[in-house]
Amino acid sequence: MTRSRAFFCAFLLAALYGFSSTLGKAPVPASPAREKTFDLELIAGFLEPGWQKSTERRGDEIRFGPVSWVSPTTGLVRAEMWDVFADVTFETDGSRKKTNAIRIDPVTRNKDESPWNLWRHRHGYQFFYGKGYFFNSLADVRPSMDPAGGAFYDHVLRNVWGYWVRKRLNDYLATGNTGKGADWSSVAPSSTAPSIMEKPIRLKYSARGLERAAPVLFQINLWHVPVKIDFEIVRSTEPRSSGNFISLSHGYRWKYNMAEWRRRHGYQKTFLGNYEWENGFPDEKKITEKEGKLLDGLMDRSVESWVEAAMAQVLFDLNRKLSGAMAELGPTTKNQSDAAPNQPATQ
C-alpha cells in the first residue's frame, strides 16, 4: 500500500468513527434569545441624575438658608452651591438690605481636611497637605498638578463663591423672607431633586450575552447644567471568567453648554475670542488669554471627570443586571459559548 493510500484510509476511518459516534444524539439546542427592559440606575445626588429633561436657568446658581442676626448690622447665613455649603458672615447698612463686607467659610467634613477641598473636588482636583495638588481620577495613581496651576484654580474658584454671594445675597435680603423657616426654593430650585436615575433600556440577550447592540443616552447635571452622555454597548469579547459581559462599541461621548459653564464660573469668551471676567467678578486684574485657556482646560476636565465617574457606575450596573438575566437562562455549553457577532442596533 502506498503512503498516500494509507493516509486516505486513515482519514476515512476517522470520519466514519466520528459519524457513528453522533448517531442517536440530538444537537445541543442554542440558547433562545430574549428581550427585556432593564432599569439603568445611577445614584449620585450632586450629579442630579433624576433630572433627565431639566436645563439650567439664571437664578439657580446659589441658595441661602435662614439669616441669623448677631448684631443690628451683622448677619450669618448658610449658602449652598452645587451641593457644597459655606457659612457667610456679612455686614450691612442700617436697612439690613445691602451688604458692605462678607466672609465665606466653607463647611468641612472633618477638621483635618483643607476647607476648600470639597469645592475643588467638584471641579475635578484636590489638594493634600504636604503632597500638593492632584487631578481626580479612577486610576490607582492620581495625576499630579502643576502647583502654580492649582493655586490659580484655587484663586478663581474662591472668587466664584464671592461673586455669587455678592450678586444674589442683596436680592435675598430684599425679599424679607429670611427668617426662621425661610423657603430655600424661593431663591433657587429645591435641592431635593431626584438623586436616582432609573432609565429604561431594552436589551436582547441570550446565555451567551448580548445578541444586539444597544444605544444608550442619559443625562447628568453639573451645578444644574445638563451634560448629555451617549454610547453603544455590545457583547464583550473578554473571557466569561472575567465577569465582563458588555463592551463599548466606540467609546462614549458627551456634550454640554460651555458658555453657560463659563458664566457660572464668572468669566466668558467673547465673540472676538477674548476672555473677560463677568461684571462684578471680584478680580482686579484682567484675565489674559493664557489664563482663559487654563480655565477652559479646568472646566472641560471637571466635566470629563464626572462623566467618567458616571459611566463607571452605569456600566457596572448594566453588567450586573445583564449577568443576572443571563444566569436565569442556565449555564452555557461549549457550543453556546461561541460568540456570534453582535447584531446592529437597528435590527
C-alpha atoms as a PDB file:
ATOM      1  CA  MET A   1       0.000   0.000   0.000  1.00  0.00           C
ATOM      2  CA  THR A   2       1.378   3.363  -0.939  1.00  0.00           C
ATOM      3  CA  ARG A   3       1.776   6.132   1.683  1.00  0.00           C
ATOM      4  CA  SER A   4      -0.901   8.325   0.089  1.00  0.00           C
ATOM      5  CA  ARG A   5      -3.398   5.442   0.067  1.00  0.00           C
ATOM      6  CA  ALA A   6      -2.641   4.700   3.750  1.00  0.00           C
ATOM      7  CA  PHE A   7      -3.347   8.326   4.701  1.00  0.00           C
ATOM      8  CA  PHE A   8      -6.632   8.247   2.783  1.00  0.00           C
ATOM      9  CA  CYS A   9      -7.774   5.076   4.540  1.00  0.00           C
ATOM     10  CA  ALA A  10      -6.907   6.501   7.963  1.00  0.00           C
ATOM     11  CA  PHE A  11      -8.845   9.695   7.204  1.00  0.00           C
ATOM     12  CA  LEU A  12     -11.876   7.671   6.017  1.00  0.00           C
ATOM     13  CA  LEU A  13     -11.905   5.514   9.142  1.00  0.00           C
ATOM     14  CA  ALA A  14     -11.716   8.571  11.393  1.00  0.00           C
ATOM     15  CA  ALA A  15     -14.593  10.228   9.548  1.00  0.00           C
ATOM     16  CA  LEU A  16     -16.760   7.099   9.807  1.00  0.00           C
ATOM     17  CA  TYR A  17     -15.997   6.795  13.527  1.00  0.00           C
ATOM     18  CA  GLY A  18     -16.949  10.415  14.147  1.00  0.00           C
ATOM     19  CA  PHE A  19     -20.199   9.998  12.183  1.00  0.00           C
ATOM     20  CA  SER A  20     -21.181   6.830  14.080  1.00  0.00           C
ATOM     21  CA  SER A  21     -20.470   8.425  17.461  1.00  0.00           C
ATOM     22  CA  THR A  22     -23.050  11.125  16.809  1.00  0.00           C
ATOM     23  CA  LEU A  23     -25.848   8.740  15.838  1.00  0.00           C
ATOM     24  CA  GLY A  24     -28.782   8.871  18.240  1.00  0.00           C
ATOM     25  CA  LYS A  25     -27.632  12.153  19.827  1.00  0.00           C
ATOM     26  CA  ALA A  26     -29.679  15.301  19.388  1.00  0.00           C
ATOM     27  CA  PRO A  27     -27.765  18.516  18.639  1.00  0.00           C
ATOM     28  CA  VAL A  28     -27.273  20.908  21.551  1.00  0.00           C
ATOM     29  CA  PRO A  29     -30.056  23.467  21.340  1.00  0.00           C
ATOM     30  CA  ALA A  30     -28.997  27.071  21.039  1.00  0.00           C
ATOM     31  CA  SER A  31     -29.913  29.325  23.931  1.00  0.00           C
ATOM     32  CA  PRO A  32     -33.078  31.217  22.989  1.00  0.00           C
ATOM     33  CA  ALA A  33     -32.698  34.950  22.771  1.00  0.00           C
ATOM     34  CA  ARG A  34     -34.887  37.080  24.986  1.00  0.00           C
ATOM     35  CA  GLU A  35     -35.733  40.766  25.163  1.00  0.00           C
ATOM     36  CA  LYS A  36     -36.196  42.540  28.444  1.00  0.00           C
ATOM     37  CA  THR A  37     -36.426  46.101  29.719  1.00  0.00           C
ATOM     38  CA  PHE A  38     -33.878  46.901  32.401  1.00  0.00           C
ATOM     39  CA  ASP A  39     -33.854  49.983  34.621  1.00  0.00           C
ATOM     40  CA  LEU A  40     -30.484  51.643  34.204  1.00  0.00           C
ATOM     41  CA  GLU A  41     -29.608  53.179  37.586  1.00  0.00           C
ATOM     42  CA  LEU A  42     -27.282  55.987  38.610  1.00  0.00           C
ATOM     43  CA  ILE A  43     -27.096  57.246  42.183  1.00  0.00           C
ATOM     44  CA  ALA A  44     -25.239  60.488  42.988  1.00  0.00           C
ATOM     45  CA  GLY A  45     -27.090  63.413  44.500  1.00  0.00           C
ATOM     46  CA  PHE A  46     -24.869  66.247  43.278  1.00  0.00           C
ATOM     47  CA  LEU A  47     -24.954  64.873  39.705  1.00  0.00           C
ATOM     48  CA  GLU A  48     -28.771  65.249  39.752  1.00  0.00           C
ATOM     49  CA  PRO A  49     -29.267  62.085  37.662  1.00  0.00           C
ATOM     50  CA  GLY A  50     -33.003  62.135  38.312  1.00  0.00           C
ATOM     51  CA  TRP A  51     -33.347  65.325  36.258  1.00  0.00           C
ATOM     52  CA  GLN A  52     -33.244  63.829  32.769  1.00  0.00           C
ATOM     53  CA  LYS A  53     -35.011  66.688  30.999  1.00  0.00           C
ATOM     54  CA  SER A  54     -34.003  69.678  33.125  1.00  0.00           C
ATOM     55  CA  THR A  55     -31.958  72.627  31.986  1.00  0.00           C
ATOM     56  CA  GLU A  56     -30.188  75.400  33.841  1.00  0.00           C
ATOM     57  CA  ARG A  57     -31.734  78.809  34.368  1.00  0.00           C
ATOM     58  CA  ARG A  58     -30.403  82.098  35.678  1.00  0.00           C
ATOM     59  CA  GLY A  59     -31.033  82.449  39.369  1.00  0.00           C
ATOM     60  CA  ASP A  60     -30.381  78.819  40.290  1.00  0.00           C
ATOM     61  CA  GLU A  61     -26.667  79.281  40.968  1.00  0.00           C
ATOM     62  CA  ILE A  62     -26.829  79.753  44.766  1.00  0.00           C
ATOM     63  CA  ARG A  63     -29.312  79.263  47.605  1.00  0.00           C
ATOM     64  CA  PHE A  64     -29.472  80.772  51.084  1.00  0.00           C
ATOM     65  CA  GLY A  65     -30.935  79.459  54.307  1.00  0.00           C
ATOM     66  CA  PRO A  66     -32.426  81.485  57.191  1.00  0.00           C
ATOM     67  CA  VAL A  67     -30.468  84.541  58.343  1.00  0.00           C
ATOM     68  CA  SER A  68     -29.308  84.896  61.944  1.00  0.00           C
ATOM     69  CA  TRP A  69     -28.584  88.441  63.117  1.00  0.00           C
ATOM     70  CA  VAL A  70     -25.733  88.543  65.605  1.00  0.00           C
ATOM     71  CA  SER A  71     -25.906  92.358  65.827  1.00  0.00           C
ATOM     72  CA  PRO A  72     -28.116  95.095  64.306  1.00  0.00           C
ATOM     73  CA  THR A  73     -25.897  95.125  61.194  1.00  0.00           C
ATOM     74  CA  THR A  74     -24.101  91.755  61.218  1.00  0.00           C
ATOM     75  CA  GLY A  75     -25.734  88.658  59.820  1.00  0.00           C
ATOM     76  CA  LEU A  76     -24.887  84.992  59.390  1.00  0.00           C
ATOM     77  CA  VAL A  77     -26.380  82.776  56.685  1.00  0.00           C
ATOM     78  CA  ARG A  78     -25.603  79.361  55.260  1.00  0.00           C
ATOM     79  CA  ALA A  79     -25.260  79.265  51.468  1.00  0.00           C
ATOM     80  CA  GLU A  80     -25.190  76.335  49.040  1.00  0.00           C
ATOM     81  CA  MET A  81     -23.717  75.997  45.556  1.00  0.00           C
ATOM     82  CA  TRP A  82     -23.570  72.663  43.736  1.00  0.00           C
ATOM     83  CA  ASP A  83     -24.263  70.795  46.983  1.00  0.00           C
ATOM     84  CA  VAL A  84     -21.330  72.490  48.713  1.00  0.00           C
ATOM     85  CA  PHE A  85     -22.135  74.567  51.808  1.00  0.00           C
ATOM     86  CA  ALA A  86     -20.475  77.606  53.345  1.00  0.00           C
ATOM     87  CA  ASP A  87     -21.256  79.898  56.254  1.00  0.00           C
ATOM     88  CA  VAL A  88     -21.375  83.538  55.175  1.00  0.00           C
ATOM     89  CA  THR A  89     -20.849  86.335  57.674  1.00  0.00           C
ATOM     90  CA  PHE A  90     -21.798  89.755  56.315  1.00  0.00           C
ATOM     91  CA  GLU A  91     -22.060  93.394  57.325  1.00  0.00           C
ATOM     92  CA  THR A  92     -24.959  95.548  56.169  1.00  0.00           C
ATOM     93  CA  ASP A  93     -26.152  99.109  56.358  1.00  0.00           C
ATOM     94  CA  GLY A  94     -28.931 100.110  58.742  1.00  0.00           C
ATOM     95  CA  SER A  95     -31.624  98.841  56.411  1.00  0.00           C
ATOM     96  CA  ARG A  96     -30.251  95.273  56.541  1.00  0.00           C
ATOM     97  CA  LYS A  97     -30.745  95.058  52.788  1.00  0.00           C
ATOM     98  CA  LYS A  98     -27.338  95.974  51.381  1.00  0.00           C
ATOM     99  CA  THR A  99     -24.120  94.139  52.238  1.00  0.00           C
ATOM    100  CA  ASN A 100     -20.864  96.028  52.738  1.00  0.00           C
ATOM    101  CA  ALA A 101     -18.455  93.195  53.548  1.00  0.00           C
ATOM    102  CA  ILE A 102     -18.593  89.400  53.574  1.00  0.00           C
ATOM    103  CA  ARG A 103     -16.563  86.470  54.844  1.00  0.00           C
ATOM    104  CA  ILE A 104     -17.047  82.953  53.481  1.00  0.00           C
ATOM    105  CA  ASP A 105     -16.130  79.853  55.491  1.00  0.00           C
ATOM    106  CA  PRO A 106     -16.697  76.505  53.746  1.00  0.00           C
ATOM    107  CA  VAL A 107     -18.369  73.800  55.817  1.00  0.00           C
ATOM    108  CA  THR A 108     -15.833  70.964  56.070  1.00  0.00           C
ATOM    109  CA  ARG A 109     -16.496  67.269  56.573  1.00  0.00           C
ATOM    110  CA  ASN A 110     -13.593  66.869  59.004  1.00  0.00           C
ATOM    111  CA  LYS A 111     -11.107  69.168  60.677  1.00  0.00           C
ATOM    112  CA  ASP A 112      -8.066  67.580  59.009  1.00  0.00           C
ATOM    113  CA  GLU A 113      -9.265  68.397  55.502  1.00  0.00           C
ATOM    114  CA  SER A 114      -8.474  71.541  53.555  1.00  0.00           C
ATOM    115  CA  PRO A 115     -11.595  73.760  53.894  1.00  0.00           C
ATOM    116  CA  TRP A 116     -11.972  74.224  50.136  1.00  0.00           C
ATOM    117  CA  ASN A 117     -11.337  70.610  49.140  1.00  0.00           C
ATOM    118  CA  LEU A 118     -14.973  69.679  48.514  1.00  0.00           C
ATOM    119  CA  TRP A 119     -15.334  72.666  46.143  1.00  0.00           C
ATOM    120  CA  ARG A 120     -12.101  71.610  44.446  1.00  0.00           C
ATOM    121  CA  HIS A 121     -13.387  68.035  44.243  1.00  0.00           C
ATOM    122  CA  ARG A 122     -16.481  69.233  42.376  1.00  0.00           C
ATOM    123  CA  HIS A 123     -14.087  70.684  39.791  1.00  0.00           C
ATOM    124  CA  GLY A 124     -12.005  67.568  39.318  1.00  0.00           C
ATOM    125  CA  TYR A 125      -8.989  68.166  41.549  1.00  0.00           C
ATOM    126  CA  GLN A 126      -7.922  68.183  45.211  1.00  0.00           C
ATOM    127  CA  PHE A 127      -5.198  69.450  47.500  1.00  0.00           C
ATOM    128  CA  PHE A 128      -3.456  67.368  50.161  1.00  0.00           C
ATOM    129  CA  TYR A 129      -1.305  68.894  52.882  1.00  0.00           C
ATOM    130  CA  GLY A 130       2.356  68.063  52.336  1.00  0.00           C
ATOM    131  CA  LYS A 131       1.679  66.481  48.925  1.00  0.00           C
ATOM    132  CA  GLY A 132       0.234  69.199  46.706  1.00  0.00           C
ATOM    133  CA  TYR A 133      -2.453  69.280  44.030  1.00  0.00           C
ATOM    134  CA  PHE A 134      -3.818  66.258  42.157  1.00  0.00           C
ATOM    135  CA  PHE A 135      -6.449  65.718  39.478  1.00  0.00           C
ATOM    136  CA  ASN A 136      -9.323  63.371  40.287  1.00  0.00           C
ATOM    137  CA  SER A 137      -9.024  60.014  38.589  1.00  0.00           C
ATOM    138  CA  LEU A 138     -10.425  56.478  38.786  1.00  0.00           C
ATOM    139  CA  ALA A 139      -6.896  55.177  38.260  1.00  0.00           C
ATOM    140  CA  ASP A 140      -4.865  53.856  41.183  1.00  0.00           C
ATOM    141  CA  VAL A 141      -2.488  56.819  40.970  1.00  0.00           C
ATOM    142  CA  ARG A 142      -3.855  60.372  40.753  1.00  0.00           C
ATOM    143  CA  PRO A 143      -2.140  62.602  38.159  1.00  0.00           C
ATOM    144  CA  SER A 144      -0.262  65.407  39.870  1.00  0.00           C
ATOM    145  CA  MET A 145      -0.944  69.055  39.038  1.00  0.00           C
ATOM    146  CA  ASP A 146       1.385  71.966  38.495  1.00  0.00           C
ATOM    147  CA  PRO A 147       1.412  73.866  41.835  1.00  0.00           C
ATOM    148  CA  ALA A 148       1.081  77.236  40.088  1.00  0.00           C
ATOM    149  CA  GLY A 149      -1.916  75.969  38.110  1.00  0.00           C
ATOM    150  CA  GLY A 150      -3.529  74.598  41.254  1.00  0.00           C
ATOM    151  CA  ALA A 151      -3.042  77.907  43.067  1.00  0.00           C
ATOM    152  CA  PHE A 152      -4.591  79.779  40.121  1.00  0.00           C
ATOM    153  CA  TYR A 153      -7.621  77.472  40.112  1.00  0.00           C
ATOM    154  CA  ASP A 154      -7.989  77.977  43.874  1.00  0.00           C
ATOM    155  CA  HIS A 155      -7.910  81.754  43.450  1.00  0.00           C
ATOM    156  CA  VAL A 156     -10.601  81.748  40.783  1.00  0.00           C
ATOM    157  CA  LEU A 157     -12.883  79.198  42.438  1.00  0.00           C
ATOM    158  CA  ARG A 158     -12.836  81.048  45.755  1.00  0.00           C
ATOM    159  CA  ASN A 159     -13.759  84.211  43.895  1.00  0.00           C
ATOM    160  CA  VAL A 160     -16.650  82.314  42.285  1.00  0.00           C
ATOM    161  CA  TRP A 161     -18.153  81.955  45.748  1.00  0.00           C
ATOM    162  CA  GLY A 162     -17.609  85.644  46.491  1.00  0.00           C
ATOM    163  CA  TYR A 163     -19.089  86.580  43.128  1.00  0.00           C
ATOM    164  CA  TRP A 164     -22.378  84.710  43.591  1.00  0.00           C
ATOM    165  CA  VAL A 165     -22.774  85.616  47.254  1.00  0.00           C
ATOM    166  CA  ARG A 166     -22.426  89.308  46.439  1.00  0.00           C
ATOM    167  CA  LYS A 167     -24.577  89.019  43.336  1.00  0.00           C
ATOM    168  CA  ARG A 168     -27.520  87.239  44.992  1.00  0.00           C
ATOM    169  CA  LEU A 169     -27.402  87.998  48.731  1.00  0.00           C
ATOM    170  CA  ASN A 170     -28.710  91.573  48.452  1.00  0.00           C
ATOM    171  CA  ASP A 171     -31.682  90.349  46.427  1.00  0.00           C
ATOM    172  CA  TYR A 172     -32.310  87.662  49.023  1.00  0.00           C
ATOM    173  CA  LEU A 173     -32.227  90.159  51.892  1.00  0.00           C
ATOM    174  CA  ALA A 174     -34.569  92.462  49.981  1.00  0.00           C
ATOM    175  CA  THR A 175     -37.267  89.760  49.870  1.00  0.00           C
ATOM    176  CA  GLY A 176     -37.685  89.984  53.630  1.00  0.00           C
ATOM    177  CA  ASN A 177     -38.207  86.210  53.655  1.00  0.00           C
ATOM    178  CA  THR A 178     -35.004  85.470  55.562  1.00  0.00           C
ATOM    179  CA  GLY A 179     -36.258  84.401  58.985  1.00  0.00           C
ATOM    180  CA  LYS A 180     -36.623  81.004  60.567  1.00  0.00           C
ATOM    181  CA  GLY A 181     -38.222  78.562  58.154  1.00  0.00           C
ATOM    182  CA  ALA A 182     -37.387  80.609  55.064  1.00  0.00           C
ATOM    183  CA  ASP A 183     -38.207  78.763  51.836  1.00  0.00           C
ATOM    184  CA  TRP A 184     -34.952  77.860  50.086  1.00  0.00           C
ATOM    185  CA  SER A 185     -36.800  77.195  46.839  1.00  0.00           C
ATOM    186  CA  SER A 186     -37.846  80.859  46.681  1.00  0.00           C
ATOM    187  CA  VAL A 187     -34.325  81.662  45.508  1.00  0.00           C
ATOM    188  CA  ALA A 188     -33.467  78.538  43.524  1.00  0.00           C
ATOM    189  CA  PRO A 189     -34.903  75.145  42.619  1.00  0.00           C
ATOM    190  CA  SER A 190     -35.327  72.732  45.503  1.00  0.00           C
ATOM    191  CA  SER A 191     -32.256  70.679  46.370  1.00  0.00           C
ATOM    192  CA  THR A 192     -34.496  67.626  46.797  1.00  0.00           C
ATOM    193  CA  ALA A 193     -34.218  66.805  43.083  1.00  0.00           C
ATOM    194  CA  PRO A 194     -34.314  63.062  42.412  1.00  0.00           C
ATOM    195  CA  SER A 195     -30.833  61.709  43.109  1.00  0.00           C
ATOM    196  CA  ILE A 196     -31.525  58.332  41.493  1.00  0.00           C
ATOM    197  CA  MET A 197     -31.866  57.816  37.758  1.00  0.00           C
ATOM    198  CA  GLU A 198     -33.951  54.841  36.646  1.00  0.00           C
ATOM    199  CA  LYS A 199     -33.836  54.926  32.869  1.00  0.00           C
ATOM    200  CA  PRO A 200     -35.424  52.009  30.961  1.00  0.00           C
ATOM    201  CA  ILE A 201     -33.263  50.284  28.351  1.00  0.00           C
ATOM    202  CA  ARG A 202     -34.348  47.379  26.128  1.00  0.00           C
ATOM    203  CA  LEU A 203     -31.776  44.601  25.648  1.00  0.00           C
ATOM    204  CA  LYS A 204     -31.838  41.448  23.515  1.00  0.00           C
ATOM    205  CA  TYR A 205     -29.697  38.724  25.071  1.00  0.00           C
ATOM    206  CA  SER A 206     -29.152  35.002  25.459  1.00  0.00           C
ATOM    207  CA  ALA A 207     -27.000  32.857  27.736  1.00  0.00           C
ATOM    208  CA  ARG A 208     -24.061  33.907  25.542  1.00  0.00           C
ATOM    209  CA  GLY A 209     -24.614  37.590  26.254  1.00  0.00           C
ATOM    210  CA  LEU A 210     -25.980  40.471  24.214  1.00  0.00           C
ATOM    211  CA  GLU A 211     -27.465  39.471  20.875  1.00  0.00           C
ATOM    212  CA  ARG A 212     -27.937  43.005  19.612  1.00  0.00           C
ATOM    213  CA  ALA A 213     -26.064  46.255  20.087  1.00  0.00           C
ATOM    214  CA  ALA A 214     -27.956  48.762  22.234  1.00  0.00           C
ATOM    215  CA  PRO A 215     -27.609  52.568  22.141  1.00  0.00           C
ATOM    216  CA  VAL A 216     -27.838  54.418  25.474  1.00  0.00           C
ATOM    217  CA  LEU A 217     -28.407  58.130  26.136  1.00  0.00           C
ATOM    218  CA  PHE A 218     -28.655  59.648  29.596  1.00  0.00           C
ATOM    219  CA  GLN A 219     -28.027  62.944  31.350  1.00  0.00           C
ATOM    220  CA  ILE A 220     -26.247  64.175  34.442  1.00  0.00           C
ATOM    221  CA  ASN A 221     -26.396  67.770  35.662  1.00  0.00           C
ATOM    222  CA  LEU A 222     -23.355  69.596  36.979  1.00  0.00           C
ATOM    223  CA  TRP A 223     -24.410  72.606  39.030  1.00  0.00           C
ATOM    224  CA  HIS A 224     -27.771  72.285  37.183  1.00  0.00           C
ATOM    225  CA  VAL A 225     -26.053  72.397  33.756  1.00  0.00           C
ATOM    226  CA  PRO A 226     -27.110  69.371  31.644  1.00  0.00           C
ATOM    227  CA  VAL A 227     -24.398  67.054  30.335  1.00  0.00           C
ATOM    228  CA  LYS A 228     -25.715  64.531  27.811  1.00  0.00           C
ATOM    229  CA  ILE A 229     -23.801  61.251  27.502  1.00  0.00           C
ATOM    230  CA  ASP A 230     -24.294  58.667  24.781  1.00  0.00           C
ATOM    231  CA  PHE A 231     -22.704  55.325  23.939  1.00  0.00           C
ATOM    232  CA  GLU A 232     -23.491  51.921  22.461  1.00  0.00           C
ATOM    233  CA  ILE A 233     -22.987  48.612  24.238  1.00  0.00           C
ATOM    234  CA  VAL A 234     -22.134  45.322  22.525  1.00  0.00           C
ATOM    235  CA  ARG A 235     -21.199  41.835  23.723  1.00  0.00           C
ATOM    236  CA  SER A 236     -17.823  41.714  25.401  1.00  0.00           C
ATOM    237  CA  THR A 237     -15.039  39.771  23.722  1.00  0.00           C
ATOM    238  CA  GLU A 238     -13.352  39.094  27.071  1.00  0.00           C
ATOM    239  CA  PRO A 239     -13.400  35.561  28.535  1.00  0.00           C
ATOM    240  CA  ARG A 240     -16.556  34.815  30.517  1.00  0.00           C
ATOM    241  CA  SER A 241     -14.403  34.243  33.587  1.00  0.00           C
ATOM    242  CA  SER A 242     -13.628  37.978  33.604  1.00  0.00           C
ATOM    243  CA  GLY A 243     -17.231  38.717  34.583  1.00  0.00           C
ATOM    244  CA  ASN A 244     -17.452  41.478  31.962  1.00  0.00           C
ATOM    245  CA  PHE A 245     -20.302  40.816  29.554  1.00  0.00           C
ATOM    246  CA  ILE A 246     -20.579  44.193  27.801  1.00  0.00           C
ATOM    247  CA  SER A 247     -18.211  46.465  25.925  1.00  0.00           C
ATOM    248  CA  LEU A 248     -18.476  49.868  24.295  1.00  0.00           C
ATOM    249  CA  SER A 249     -18.540  49.776  20.513  1.00  0.00           C
ATOM    250  CA  HIS A 250     -16.992  53.212  20.002  1.00  0.00           C
ATOM    251  CA  GLY A 251     -16.279  54.639  23.452  1.00  0.00           C
ATOM    252  CA  TYR A 252     -18.612  57.297  24.839  1.00  0.00           C
ATOM    253  CA  ARG A 253     -19.351  60.911  24.012  1.00  0.00           C
ATOM    254  CA  TRP A 254     -20.730  63.881  25.921  1.00  0.00           C
ATOM    255  CA  LYS A 255     -21.791  67.456  25.262  1.00  0.00           C
ATOM    256  CA  TYR A 256     -22.731  70.475  27.369  1.00  0.00           C
ATOM    257  CA  ASN A 257     -23.144  74.234  27.148  1.00  0.00           C
ATOM    258  CA  MET A 258     -19.608  75.578  27.605  1.00  0.00           C
ATOM    259  CA  ALA A 259     -20.738  79.215  27.508  1.00  0.00           C
ATOM    260  CA  GLU A 260     -23.097  78.612  30.451  1.00  0.00           C
ATOM    261  CA  TRP A 261     -20.411  76.660  32.298  1.00  0.00           C
ATOM    262  CA  ARG A 262     -18.068  79.646  31.945  1.00  0.00           C
ATOM    263  CA  ARG A 263     -20.794  82.075  33.076  1.00  0.00           C
ATOM    264  CA  ARG A 264     -21.336  80.148  36.285  1.00  0.00           C
ATOM    265  CA  HIS A 265     -17.624  80.418  36.950  1.00  0.00           C
ATOM    266  CA  GLY A 266     -17.547  84.175  36.472  1.00  0.00           C
ATOM    267  CA  TYR A 267     -15.963  84.596  33.038  1.00  0.00           C
ATOM    268  CA  GLN A 268     -16.812  84.498  29.360  1.00  0.00           C
ATOM    269  CA  LYS A 269     -15.260  84.189  25.928  1.00  0.00           C
ATOM    270  CA  THR A 270     -16.397  86.986  23.667  1.00  0.00           C
ATOM    271  CA  PHE A 271     -17.383  86.808  20.017  1.00  0.00           C
ATOM    272  CA  LEU A 272     -13.889  88.081  19.146  1.00  0.00           C
ATOM    273  CA  GLY A 273     -12.277  85.247  21.102  1.00  0.00           C
ATOM    274  CA  ASN A 274     -11.152  87.350  24.073  1.00  0.00           C
ATOM    275  CA  TYR A 275     -11.630  86.260  27.680  1.00  0.00           C
ATOM    276  CA  GLU A 276     -13.324  88.575  30.189  1.00  0.00           C
ATOM    277  CA  TRP A 277     -14.490  88.368  33.787  1.00  0.00           C
ATOM    278  CA  GLU A 278     -18.227  88.723  34.240  1.00  0.00           C
ATOM    279  CA  ASN A 279     -19.348  92.116  35.502  1.00  0.00           C
ATOM    280  CA  GLY A 280     -18.894  92.191  39.273  1.00  0.00           C
ATOM    281  CA  PHE A 281     -16.438  89.302  39.445  1.00  0.00           C
ATOM    282  CA  PRO A 282     -14.037  90.089  42.337  1.00  0.00           C
ATOM    283  CA  ASP A 283     -10.761  90.058  40.450  1.00  0.00           C
ATOM    284  CA  GLU A 284      -8.989  93.343  39.877  1.00  0.00           C
ATOM    285  CA  LYS A 285      -6.722  92.139  37.075  1.00  0.00           C
ATOM    286  CA  LYS A 286      -7.988  91.385  33.605  1.00  0.00           C
ATOM    287  CA  ILE A 287      -7.979  87.768  32.578  1.00  0.00           C
ATOM    288  CA  THR A 288      -5.311  87.000  29.991  1.00  0.00           C
ATOM    289  CA  GLU A 289      -5.654  84.670  27.033  1.00  0.00           C
ATOM    290  CA  LYS A 290      -3.304  82.209  28.742  1.00  0.00           C
ATOM    291  CA  GLU A 291      -5.383  82.266  31.928  1.00  0.00           C
ATOM    292  CA  GLY A 292      -8.600  81.914  29.951  1.00  0.00           C
ATOM    293  CA  LYS A 293      -7.326  78.807  28.181  1.00  0.00           C
ATOM    294  CA  LEU A 294      -6.094  77.430  31.506  1.00  0.00           C
ATOM    295  CA  LEU A 295      -9.556  77.924  32.987  1.00  0.00           C
ATOM    296  CA  ASP A 296     -11.204  76.369  29.950  1.00  0.00           C
ATOM    297  CA  GLY A 297      -8.985  73.330  30.479  1.00  0.00           C
ATOM    298  CA  LEU A 298     -10.128  73.011  34.078  1.00  0.00           C
ATOM    299  CA  MET A 299     -13.771  73.474  33.064  1.00  0.00           C
ATOM    300  CA  ASP A 300     -13.523  70.706  30.479  1.00  0.00           C
ATOM    301  CA  ARG A 301     -11.643  68.396  32.802  1.00  0.00           C
ATOM    302  CA  SER A 302     -14.145  68.886  35.625  1.00  0.00           C
ATOM    303  CA  VAL A 303     -16.969  67.804  33.314  1.00  0.00           C
ATOM    304  CA  GLU A 304     -14.940  64.915  31.918  1.00  0.00           C
ATOM    305  CA  SER A 305     -14.094  63.595  35.397  1.00  0.00           C
ATOM    306  CA  TRP A 306     -17.779  63.370  36.358  1.00  0.00           C
ATOM    307  CA  VAL A 307     -18.723  61.833  33.023  1.00  0.00           C
ATOM    308  CA  GLU A 308     -16.053  59.190  33.635  1.00  0.00           C
ATOM    309  CA  ALA A 309     -17.359  58.533  37.156  1.00  0.00           C
ATOM    310  CA  ALA A 310     -20.974  58.308  35.957  1.00  0.00           C
ATOM    311  CA  MET A 311     -20.016  55.942  33.132  1.00  0.00           C
ATOM    312  CA  ALA A 312     -18.183  53.629  35.534  1.00  0.00           C
ATOM    313  CA  GLN A 313     -21.294  53.317  37.703  1.00  0.00           C
ATOM    314  CA  VAL A 314     -23.677  52.936  34.747  1.00  0.00           C
ATOM    315  CA  LEU A 315     -21.600  50.214  33.056  1.00  0.00           C
ATOM    316  CA  PHE A 316     -21.206  48.352  36.349  1.00  0.00           C
ATOM    317  CA  ASP A 317     -24.979  48.440  36.864  1.00  0.00           C
ATOM    318  CA  LEU A 318     -25.707  47.283  33.306  1.00  0.00           C
ATOM    319  CA  ASN A 319     -23.185  44.452  33.522  1.00  0.00           C
ATOM    320  CA  ARG A 320     -24.559  43.284  36.876  1.00  0.00           C
ATOM    321  CA  LYS A 321     -28.155  43.198  35.659  1.00  0.00           C
ATOM    322  CA  LEU A 322     -27.293  41.510  32.370  1.00  0.00           C
ATOM    323  CA  SER A 323     -25.218  38.896  34.209  1.00  0.00           C
ATOM    324  CA  GLY A 324     -28.173  38.082  36.455  1.00  0.00           C
ATOM    325  CA  ALA A 325     -30.536  37.792  33.480  1.00  0.00           C
ATOM    326  CA  MET A 326     -28.100  35.504  31.636  1.00  0.00           C
ATOM    327  CA  ALA A 327     -27.763  33.271  34.693  1.00  0.00           C
ATOM    328  CA  GLU A 328     -31.527  32.746  34.730  1.00  0.00           C
ATOM    329  CA  LEU A 329     -31.246  31.146  31.281  1.00  0.00           C
ATOM    330  CA  GLY A 330     -28.937  28.454  32.623  1.00  0.00           C
ATOM    331  CA  PRO A 331     -25.255  27.666  32.017  1.00  0.00           C
ATOM    332  CA  THR A 332     -23.847  27.795  28.511  1.00  0.00           C
ATOM    333  CA  THR A 333     -22.367  24.770  26.770  1.00  0.00           C
ATOM    334  CA  LYS A 334     -19.187  24.788  24.741  1.00  0.00           C
ATOM    335  CA  ASN A 335     -21.236  25.193  21.565  1.00  0.00           C
ATOM    336  CA  GLN A 336     -23.322  28.012  23.042  1.00  0.00           C
ATOM    337  CA  SER A 337     -20.320  29.953  24.288  1.00  0.00           C
ATOM    338  CA  ASP A 338     -19.032  30.507  20.763  1.00  0.00           C
ATOM    339  CA  ALA A 339     -19.733  34.212  20.449  1.00  0.00           C
ATOM    340  CA  ALA A 340     -21.771  35.289  17.458  1.00  0.00           C
ATOM    341  CA  PRO A 341     -21.307  38.798  16.093  1.00  0.00           C
ATOM    342  CA  ASN A 342     -23.460  41.459  17.702  1.00  0.00           C
ATOM    343  CA  GLN A 343     -26.385  42.421  15.548  1.00  0.00           C
ATOM    344  CA  PRO A 344     -26.665  46.100  14.650  1.00  0.00           C
ATOM    345  CA  ALA A 345     -28.813  48.189  16.953  1.00  0.00           C
ATOM    346  CA  THR A 346     -31.328  48.728  14.140  1.00  0.00           C
ATOM    347  CA  GLN A 347     -32.235  45.048  13.854  1.00  0.00           C
END
